Amino acid sequence: MPKNKEATFEESLNELEEIVQRLERGDVPLEEALEAFQKGMVLSKHCQDTLEKAEKSLTKMMSETNEEIPFEESEQA
């Protein structure tokens, strides 16, 4: 992946899964395991941030006056 292009959620998740599988096998040298763990933490944060942003986007609705309102408030109205 090019350095100037941010990975998609799916790319990050796939790479994170690969790291977890490698670390679970237990045959990774310590230094490499530490680097992989650190990379995994960065990928995990990226995935979490992406999911939170998507959730915020999906839980908003437009009111009749074209104002964004949280989905929960629109259900109570």
PDB file of N, CA and C in Angstrom:
ATOM      1  N   MET A   1       0.840  -1.175   0.000  1.00  0.00           N
ATOM      2  CA  MET A   1       0.000   0.000   0.000  1.00  0.00           C
ATOM      3  C   MET A   1       0.882   1.233   0.000  1.00  0.00           C
ATOM      4  N   PRO A   2       0.603   2.215  -0.821  1.00  0.00           N
ATOM      5  CA  PRO A   2       1.398   3.437  -0.844  1.00  0.00           C
ATOM      6  C   PRO A   2       1.311   4.164   0.489  1.00  0.00           C
ATOM      7  N   LYS A   3       2.411   4.787   0.905  1.00  0.00           N
ATOM      8  CA  LYS A   3       2.452   5.475   2.197  1.00  0.00           C
ATOM      9  C   LYS A   3       1.505   6.670   2.240  1.00  0.00           C
ATOM     10  N   ASN A   4       1.276   7.330   1.104  1.00  0.00           N
ATOM     11  CA  ASN A   4       0.456   8.530   1.099  1.00  0.00           C
ATOM     12  C   ASN A   4      -1.041   8.226   1.023  1.00  0.00           C
ATOM     13  N   LYS A   5      -1.417   6.984   0.888  1.00  0.00           N
ATOM     14  CA  LYS A   5      -2.825   6.597   0.807  1.00  0.00           C
ATOM     15  C   LYS A   5      -3.223   5.914   2.114  1.00  0.00           C
ATOM     16  N   GLU A   6      -4.276   6.423   2.734  1.00  0.00           N
ATOM     17  CA  GLU A   6      -4.745   5.806   3.969  1.00  0.00           C
ATOM     18  C   GLU A   6      -5.455   4.500   3.632  1.00  0.00           C
ATOM     19  N   ALA A   7      -5.187   3.482   4.432  1.00  0.00           N
ATOM     20  CA  ALA A   7      -5.785   2.166   4.209  1.00  0.00           C
ATOM     21  C   ALA A   7      -7.286   2.227   4.460  1.00  0.00           C
ATOM     22  N   THR A   8      -8.014   1.412   3.733  1.00  0.00           N
ATOM     23  CA  THR A   8      -9.442   1.299   3.982  1.00  0.00           C
ATOM     24  C   THR A   8      -9.645   0.494   5.257  1.00  0.00           C
ATOM     25  N   PHE A   9     -10.847   0.522   5.760  1.00  0.00           N
ATOM     26  CA  PHE A   9     -11.187  -0.260   6.949  1.00  0.00           C
ATOM     27  C   PHE A   9     -10.891  -1.731   6.705  1.00  0.00           C
ATOM     28  N   GLU A  10     -11.298  -2.235   5.554  1.00  0.00           N
ATOM     29  CA  GLU A  10     -11.118  -3.645   5.234  1.00  0.00           C
ATOM     30  C   GLU A  10      -9.643  -4.027   5.148  1.00  0.00           C
ATOM     31  N   GLU A  11      -8.837  -3.156   4.529  1.00  0.00           N
ATOM     32  CA  GLU A  11      -7.400  -3.421   4.433  1.00  0.00           C
ATOM     33  C   GLU A  11      -6.762  -3.463   5.819  1.00  0.00           C
ATOM     34  N   SER A  12      -7.132  -2.518   6.656  1.00  0.00           N
ATOM     35  CA  SER A  12      -6.594  -2.477   8.015  1.00  0.00           C
ATOM     36  C   SER A  12      -7.022  -3.699   8.810  1.00  0.00           C
ATOM     37  N   LEU A  13      -8.280  -4.070   8.687  1.00  0.00           N
ATOM     38  CA  LEU A  13      -8.783  -5.231   9.417  1.00  0.00           C
ATOM     39  C   LEU A  13      -8.088  -6.511   8.962  1.00  0.00           C
ATOM     40  N   ASN A  14      -7.901  -6.669   7.657  1.00  0.00           N
ATOM     41  CA  ASN A  14      -7.208  -7.854   7.139  1.00  0.00           C
ATOM     42  C   ASN A  14      -5.777  -7.918   7.646  1.00  0.00           C
ATOM     43  N   GLU A  15      -5.077  -6.786   7.628  1.00  0.00           N
ATOM     44  CA  GLU A  15      -3.700  -6.764   8.108  1.00  0.00           C
ATOM     45  C   GLU A  15      -3.642  -7.057   9.604  1.00  0.00           C
ATOM     46  N   LEU A  16      -4.600  -6.532  10.351  1.00  0.00           N
ATOM     47  CA  LEU A  16      -4.668  -6.797  11.784  1.00  0.00           C
ATOM     48  C   LEU A  16      -4.900  -8.286  12.050  1.00  0.00           C
ATOM     49  N   GLU A  17      -5.786  -8.903  11.284  1.00  0.00           N
ATOM     50  CA  GLU A  17      -6.040 -10.340  11.432  1.00  0.00           C
ATOM     51  C   GLU A  17      -4.788 -11.167  11.138  1.00  0.00           C
ATOM     52  N   GLU A  18      -4.036 -10.761  10.126  1.00  0.00           N
ATOM     53  CA  GLU A  18      -2.790 -11.461   9.797  1.00  0.00           C
ATOM     54  C   GLU A  18      -1.782 -11.348  10.938  1.00  0.00           C
ATOM     55  N   ILE A  19      -1.676 -10.173  11.519  1.00  0.00           N
ATOM     56  CA  ILE A  19      -0.755  -9.970  12.643  1.00  0.00           C
ATOM     57  C   ILE A  19      -1.158 -10.850  13.819  1.00  0.00           C
ATOM     58  N   VAL A  20      -2.434 -10.867  14.133  1.00  0.00           N
ATOM     59  CA  VAL A  20      -2.915 -11.691  15.252  1.00  0.00           C
ATOM     60  C   VAL A  20      -2.600 -13.164  15.008  1.00  0.00           C
ATOM     61  N   GLN A  21      -2.837 -13.648  13.803  1.00  0.00           N
ATOM     62  CA  GLN A  21      -2.544 -15.048  13.483  1.00  0.00           C
ATOM     63  C   GLN A  21      -1.059 -15.356  13.653  1.00  0.00           C
ATOM     64  N   ARG A  22      -0.200 -14.459  13.176  1.00  0.00           N
ATOM     65  CA  ARG A  22       1.249 -14.668  13.313  1.00  0.00           C
ATOM     66  C   ARG A  22       1.655 -14.708  14.779  1.00  0.00           C
ATOM     67  N   LEU A  23       1.119 -13.779  15.564  1.00  0.00           N
ATOM     68  CA  LEU A  23       1.478 -13.730  16.979  1.00  0.00           C
ATOM     69  C   LEU A  23       0.926 -14.932  17.745  1.00  0.00           C
ATOM     70  N   GLU A  24      -0.248 -15.397  17.370  1.00  0.00           N
ATOM     71  CA  GLU A  24      -0.839 -16.563  18.036  1.00  0.00           C
ATOM     72  C   GLU A  24      -0.048 -17.836  17.782  1.00  0.00           C
ATOM     73  N   ARG A  25       0.602 -17.920  16.618  1.00  0.00           N
ATOM     74  CA  ARG A  25       1.426 -19.100  16.320  1.00  0.00           C
ATOM     75  C   ARG A  25       2.604 -19.198  17.280  1.00  0.00           C
ATOM     76  N   GLY A  26       3.082 -18.049  17.737  1.00  0.00           N
ATOM     77  CA  GLY A  26       4.150 -18.024  18.722  1.00  0.00           C
ATOM     78  C   GLY A  26       5.544 -18.272  18.189  1.00  0.00           C
ATOM     79  N   ASP A  27       5.714 -18.305  16.882  1.00  0.00           N
ATOM     80  CA  ASP A  27       7.037 -18.585  16.314  1.00  0.00           C
ATOM     81  C   ASP A  27       7.714 -17.317  15.777  1.00  0.00           C
ATOM     82  N   VAL A  28       7.297 -16.161  16.292  1.00  0.00           N
ATOM     83  CA  VAL A  28       7.836 -14.883  15.850  1.00  0.00           C
ATOM     84  C   VAL A  28       8.905 -14.428  16.852  1.00  0.00           C
ATOM     85  N   PRO A  29      10.085 -14.041  16.377  1.00  0.00           N
ATOM     86  CA  PRO A  29      11.112 -13.529  17.295  1.00  0.00           C
ATOM     87  C   PRO A  29      10.576 -12.339  18.097  1.00  0.00           C
ATOM     88  N   LEU A  30      11.085 -12.166  19.300  1.00  0.00           N
ATOM     89  CA  LEU A  30      10.587 -11.146  20.218  1.00  0.00           C
ATOM     90  C   LEU A  30      10.547  -9.749  19.600  1.00  0.00           C
ATOM     91  N   GLU A  31      11.638  -9.322  18.984  1.00  0.00           N
ATOM     92  CA  GLU A  31      11.678  -7.983  18.405  1.00  0.00           C
ATOM     93  C   GLU A  31      10.610  -7.813  17.327  1.00  0.00           C
ATOM     94  N   GLU A  32      10.472  -8.828  16.498  1.00  0.00           N
ATOM     95  CA  GLU A  32       9.456  -8.783  15.439  1.00  0.00           C
ATOM     96  C   GLU A  32       8.053  -8.812  16.033  1.00  0.00           C
ATOM     97  N   ALA A  33       7.869  -9.575  17.100  1.00  0.00           N
ATOM     98  CA  ALA A  33       6.566  -9.643  17.765  1.00  0.00           C
ATOM     99  C   ALA A  33       6.191  -8.288  18.349  1.00  0.00           C
ATOM    100  N   LEU A  34       7.164  -7.592  18.943  1.00  0.00           N
ATOM    101  CA  LEU A  34       6.894  -6.261  19.499  1.00  0.00           C
ATOM    102  C   LEU A  34       6.501  -5.277  18.409  1.00  0.00           C
ATOM    103  N   GLU A  35       7.212  -5.310  17.292  1.00  0.00           N
ATOM    104  CA  GLU A  35       6.876  -4.430  16.167  1.00  0.00           C
ATOM    105  C   GLU A  35       5.483  -4.761  15.619  1.00  0.00           C
ATOM    106  N   ALA A  36       5.194  -6.048  15.503  1.00  0.00           N
ATOM    107  CA  ALA A  36       3.889  -6.474  14.991  1.00  0.00           C
ATOM    108  C   ALA A  36       2.783  -6.037  15.946  1.00  0.00           C
ATOM    109  N   PHE A  37       3.039  -6.179  17.248  1.00  0.00           N
ATOM    110  CA  PHE A  37       2.046  -5.768  18.236  1.00  0.00           C
ATOM    111  C   PHE A  37       1.765  -4.273  18.134  1.00  0.00           C
ATOM    112  N   GLN A  38       2.827  -3.469  18.028  1.00  0.00           N
ATOM    113  CA  GLN A  38       2.657  -2.021  17.904  1.00  0.00           C
ATOM    114  C   GLN A  38       1.883  -1.662  16.641  1.00  0.00           C
ATOM    115  N   LYS A  39       2.215  -2.303  15.537  1.00  0.00           N
ATOM    116  CA  LYS A  39       1.491  -2.070  14.281  1.00  0.00           C
ATOM    117  C   LYS A  39       0.025  -2.468  14.439  1.00  0.00           C
ATOM    118  N   GLY A  40      -0.204  -3.579  15.142  1.00  0.00           N
ATOM    119  CA  GLY A  40      -1.573  -4.034  15.385  1.00  0.00           C
ATOM    120  C   GLY A  40      -2.372  -3.043  16.204  1.00  0.00           C
ATOM    121  N   MET A  41      -1.732  -2.402  17.175  1.00  0.00           N
ATOM    122  CA  MET A  41      -2.425  -1.404  17.983  1.00  0.00           C
ATOM    123  C   MET A  41      -2.827  -0.195  17.128  1.00  0.00           C
ATOM    124  N   VAL A  42      -1.940   0.217  16.226  1.00  0.00           N
ATOM    125  CA  VAL A  42      -2.252   1.333  15.322  1.00  0.00           C
ATOM    126  C   VAL A  42      -3.419   0.949  14.409  1.00  0.00           C
ATOM    127  N   LEU A  43      -3.369  -0.253  13.867  1.00  0.00           N
ATOM    128  CA  LEU A  43      -4.445  -0.718  12.982  1.00  0.00           C
ATOM    129  C   LEU A  43      -5.767  -0.828  13.744  1.00  0.00           C
ATOM    130  N   SER A  44      -5.699  -1.326  14.969  1.00  0.00           N
ATOM    131  CA  SER A  44      -6.896  -1.454  15.794  1.00  0.00           C
ATOM    132  C   SER A  44      -7.529  -0.086  16.046  1.00  0.00           C
ATOM    133  N   LYS A  45      -6.702   0.903  16.340  1.00  0.00           N
ATOM    134  CA  LYS A  45      -7.204   2.264  16.573  1.00  0.00           C
ATOM    135  C   LYS A  45      -7.839   2.827  15.303  1.00  0.00           C
ATOM    136  N   HIS A  46      -7.192   2.595  14.161  1.00  0.00           N
ATOM    137  CA  HIS A  46      -7.747   3.068  12.883  1.00  0.00           C
ATOM    138  C   HIS A  46      -9.119   2.440  12.639  1.00  0.00           C
ATOM    139  N   CYS A  47      -9.229   1.133  12.862  1.00  0.00           N
ATOM    140  CA  CYS A  47     -10.509   0.448  12.652  1.00  0.00           C
ATOM    141  C   CYS A  47     -11.573   0.981  13.620  1.00  0.00           C
ATOM    142  N   GLN A  48     -11.203   1.158  14.880  1.00  0.00           N
ATOM    143  CA  GLN A  48     -12.150   1.672  15.872  1.00  0.00           C
ATOM    144  C   GLN A  48     -12.621   3.072  15.499  1.00  0.00           C
ATOM    145  N   ASP A  49     -11.707   3.934  15.108  1.00  0.00           N
ATOM    146  CA  ASP A  49     -12.072   5.293  14.707  1.00  0.00           C
ATOM    147  C   ASP A  49     -13.008   5.284  13.503  1.00  0.00           C
ATOM    148  N   THR A  50     -12.721   4.420  12.534  1.00  0.00           N
ATOM    149  CA  THR A  50     -13.560   4.325  11.346  1.00  0.00           C
ATOM    150  C   THR A  50     -14.966   3.858  11.709  1.00  0.00           C
ATOM    151  N   LEU A  51     -15.052   2.864  12.592  1.00  0.00           N
ATOM    152  CA  LEU A  51     -16.365   2.361  13.021  1.00  0.00           C
ATOM    153  C   LEU A  51     -17.145   3.423  13.791  1.00  0.00           C
ATOM    154  N   GLU A  52     -16.463   4.169  14.661  1.00  0.00           N
ATOM    155  CA  GLU A  52     -17.138   5.221  15.414  1.00  0.00           C
ATOM    156  C   GLU A  52     -17.658   6.314  14.489  1.00  0.00           C
ATOM    157  N   LYS A  53     -16.854   6.683  13.493  1.00  0.00           N
ATOM    158  CA  LYS A  53     -17.282   7.704  12.538  1.00  0.00           C
ATOM    159  C   LYS A  53     -18.499   7.212  11.739  1.00  0.00           C
ATOM    160  N   ALA A  54     -18.467   5.955  11.336  1.00  0.00           N
ATOM    161  CA  ALA A  54     -19.597   5.393  10.584  1.00  0.00           C
ATOM    162  C   ALA A  54     -20.847   5.342  11.453  1.00  0.00           C
ATOM    163  N   GLU A  55     -20.677   4.955  12.708  1.00  0.00           N
ATOM    164  CA  GLU A  55     -21.824   4.885  13.614  1.00  0.00           C
ATOM    165  C   GLU A  55     -22.454   6.261  13.800  1.00  0.00           C
ATOM    166  N   LYS A  56     -21.611   7.279  14.007  1.00  0.00           N
ATOM    167  CA  LYS A  56     -22.132   8.634  14.173  1.00  0.00           C
ATOM    168  C   LYS A  56     -22.882   9.082  12.932  1.00  0.00           C
ATOM    169  N   SER A  57     -22.359   8.750  11.777  1.00  0.00           N
ATOM    170  CA  SER A  57     -22.993   9.133  10.524  1.00  0.00           C
ATOM    171  C   SER A  57     -24.328   8.420  10.337  1.00  0.00           C
ATOM    172  N   LEU A  58     -24.353   7.146  10.688  1.00  0.00           N
ATOM    173  CA  LEU A  58     -25.561   6.359  10.471  1.00  0.00           C
ATOM    174  C   LEU A  58     -26.646   6.611  11.503  1.00  0.00           C
ATOM    175  N   THR A  59     -26.281   7.145  12.656  1.00  0.00           N
ATOM    176  CA  THR A  59     -27.287   7.352  13.690  1.00  0.00           C
ATOM    177  C   THR A  59     -27.847   8.760  13.692  1.00  0.00           C
ATOM    178  N   LYS A  60     -27.625   9.508  12.630  1.00  0.00           N
ATOM    179  CA  LYS A  60     -28.205  10.841  12.507  1.00  0.00           C
ATOM    180  C   LYS A  60     -29.251  10.834  11.403  1.00  0.00           C
ATOM    181  N   MET A  61     -30.246  11.631  11.592  1.00  0.00           N
ATOM    182  CA  MET A  61     -31.292  11.785  10.597  1.00  0.00           C
ATOM    183  C   MET A  61     -31.484  13.269  10.355  1.00  0.00           C
ATOM    184  N   MET A  62     -32.136  13.583   9.303  1.00  0.00           N
ATOM    185  CA  MET A  62     -32.461  14.971   9.013  1.00  0.00           C
ATOM    186  C   MET A  62     -33.891  15.227   9.499  1.00  0.00           C
ATOM    187  N   SER A  63     -34.076  16.347  10.205  1.00  0.00           N
ATOM    188  CA  SER A  63     -35.405  16.723  10.650  1.00  0.00           C
ATOM    189  C   SER A  63     -36.170  17.351   9.486  1.00  0.00           C
ATOM    190  N   GLU A  64     -37.398  17.695   9.736  1.00  0.00           N
ATOM    191  CA  GLU A  64     -38.207  18.318   8.691  1.00  0.00           C
ATOM    192  C   GLU A  64     -37.647  19.683   8.282  1.00  0.00           C
ATOM    193  N   THR A  65     -36.849  20.294   9.151  1.00  0.00           N
ATOM    194  CA  THR A  65     -36.243  21.594   8.836  1.00  0.00           C
ATOM    195  C   THR A  65     -34.808  21.430   8.374  1.00  0.00           C
ATOM    196  N   ASN A  66     -34.454  20.215   7.912  1.00  0.00           N
ATOM    197  CA  ASN A  66     -33.127  19.885   7.397  1.00  0.00           C
ATOM    198  C   ASN A  66     -32.007  20.042   8.420  1.00  0.00           C
ATOM    199  N   GLU A  67     -32.315  19.822   9.682  1.00  0.00           N
ATOM    200  CA  GLU A  67     -31.300  19.817  10.726  1.00  0.00           C
ATOM    201  C   GLU A  67     -30.984  18.369  11.074  1.00  0.00           C
ATOM    202  N   GLU A  68     -29.687  18.114  11.310  1.00  0.00           N
ATOM    203  CA  GLU A  68     -29.306  16.769  11.728  1.00  0.00           C
ATOM    204  C   GLU A  68     -29.692  16.577  13.185  1.00  0.00           C
ATOM    205  N   ILE A  69     -30.324  15.452  13.469  1.00  0.00           N
ATOM    206  CA  ILE A  69     -30.655  15.123  14.853  1.00  0.00           C
ATOM    207  C   ILE A  69     -30.243  13.681  15.104  1.00  0.00           C
ATOM    208  N   PRO A  70     -29.825  13.364  16.320  1.00  0.00           N
ATOM    209  CA  PRO A  70     -29.480  11.977  16.627  1.00  0.00           C
ATOM    210  C   PRO A  70     -30.690  11.074  16.402  1.00  0.00           C
ATOM    211  N   PHE A  71     -30.461   9.888  15.916  1.00  0.00           N
ATOM    212  CA  PHE A  71     -31.538   8.950  15.582  1.00  0.00           C
ATOM    213  C   PHE A  71     -32.413   8.669  16.792  1.00  0.00           C
ATOM    214  N   GLU A  72     -31.811   8.523  17.981  1.00  0.00           N
ATOM    215  CA  GLU A  72     -32.569   8.195  19.181  1.00  0.00           C
ATOM    216  C   GLU A  72     -33.619   9.264  19.475  1.00  0.00           C
ATOM    217  N   GLU A  73     -33.250  10.559  19.296  1.00  0.00           N
ATOM    218  CA  GLU A  73     -34.189  11.645  19.554  1.00  0.00           C
ATOM    219  C   GLU A  73     -35.350  11.611  18.569  1.00  0.00           C
ATOM    220  N   SER A  74     -35.102  11.219  17.348  1.00  0.00           N
ATOM    221  CA  SER A  74     -36.176  11.201  16.354  1.00  0.00           C
ATOM    222  C   SER A  74     -37.183  10.108  16.653  1.00  0.00           C
ATOM    223  N   GLU A  75     -36.755   9.036  17.318  1.00  0.00           N
ATOM    224  CA  GLU A  75     -37.666   7.951  17.671  1.00  0.00           C
ATOM    225  C   GLU A  75     -38.603   8.380  18.790  1.00  0.00           C
ATOM    226  N   GLN A  76     -38.127   9.255  19.682  1.00  0.00           N
ATOM    227  CA  GLN A  76     -38.919   9.689  20.815  1.00  0.00           C
ATOM    228  C   GLN A  76     -39.900  10.787  20.442  1.00  0.00           C
ATOM    229  N   ALA A  77     -39.646  11.467  19.365  1.00  0.00           N
ATOM    230  CA  ALA A  77     -40.495  12.603  18.960  1.00  0.00           C
ATOM    231  C   ALA A  77     -41.831  12.157  18.425  1.00  0.00           C
TER     232      ALA A  77
END
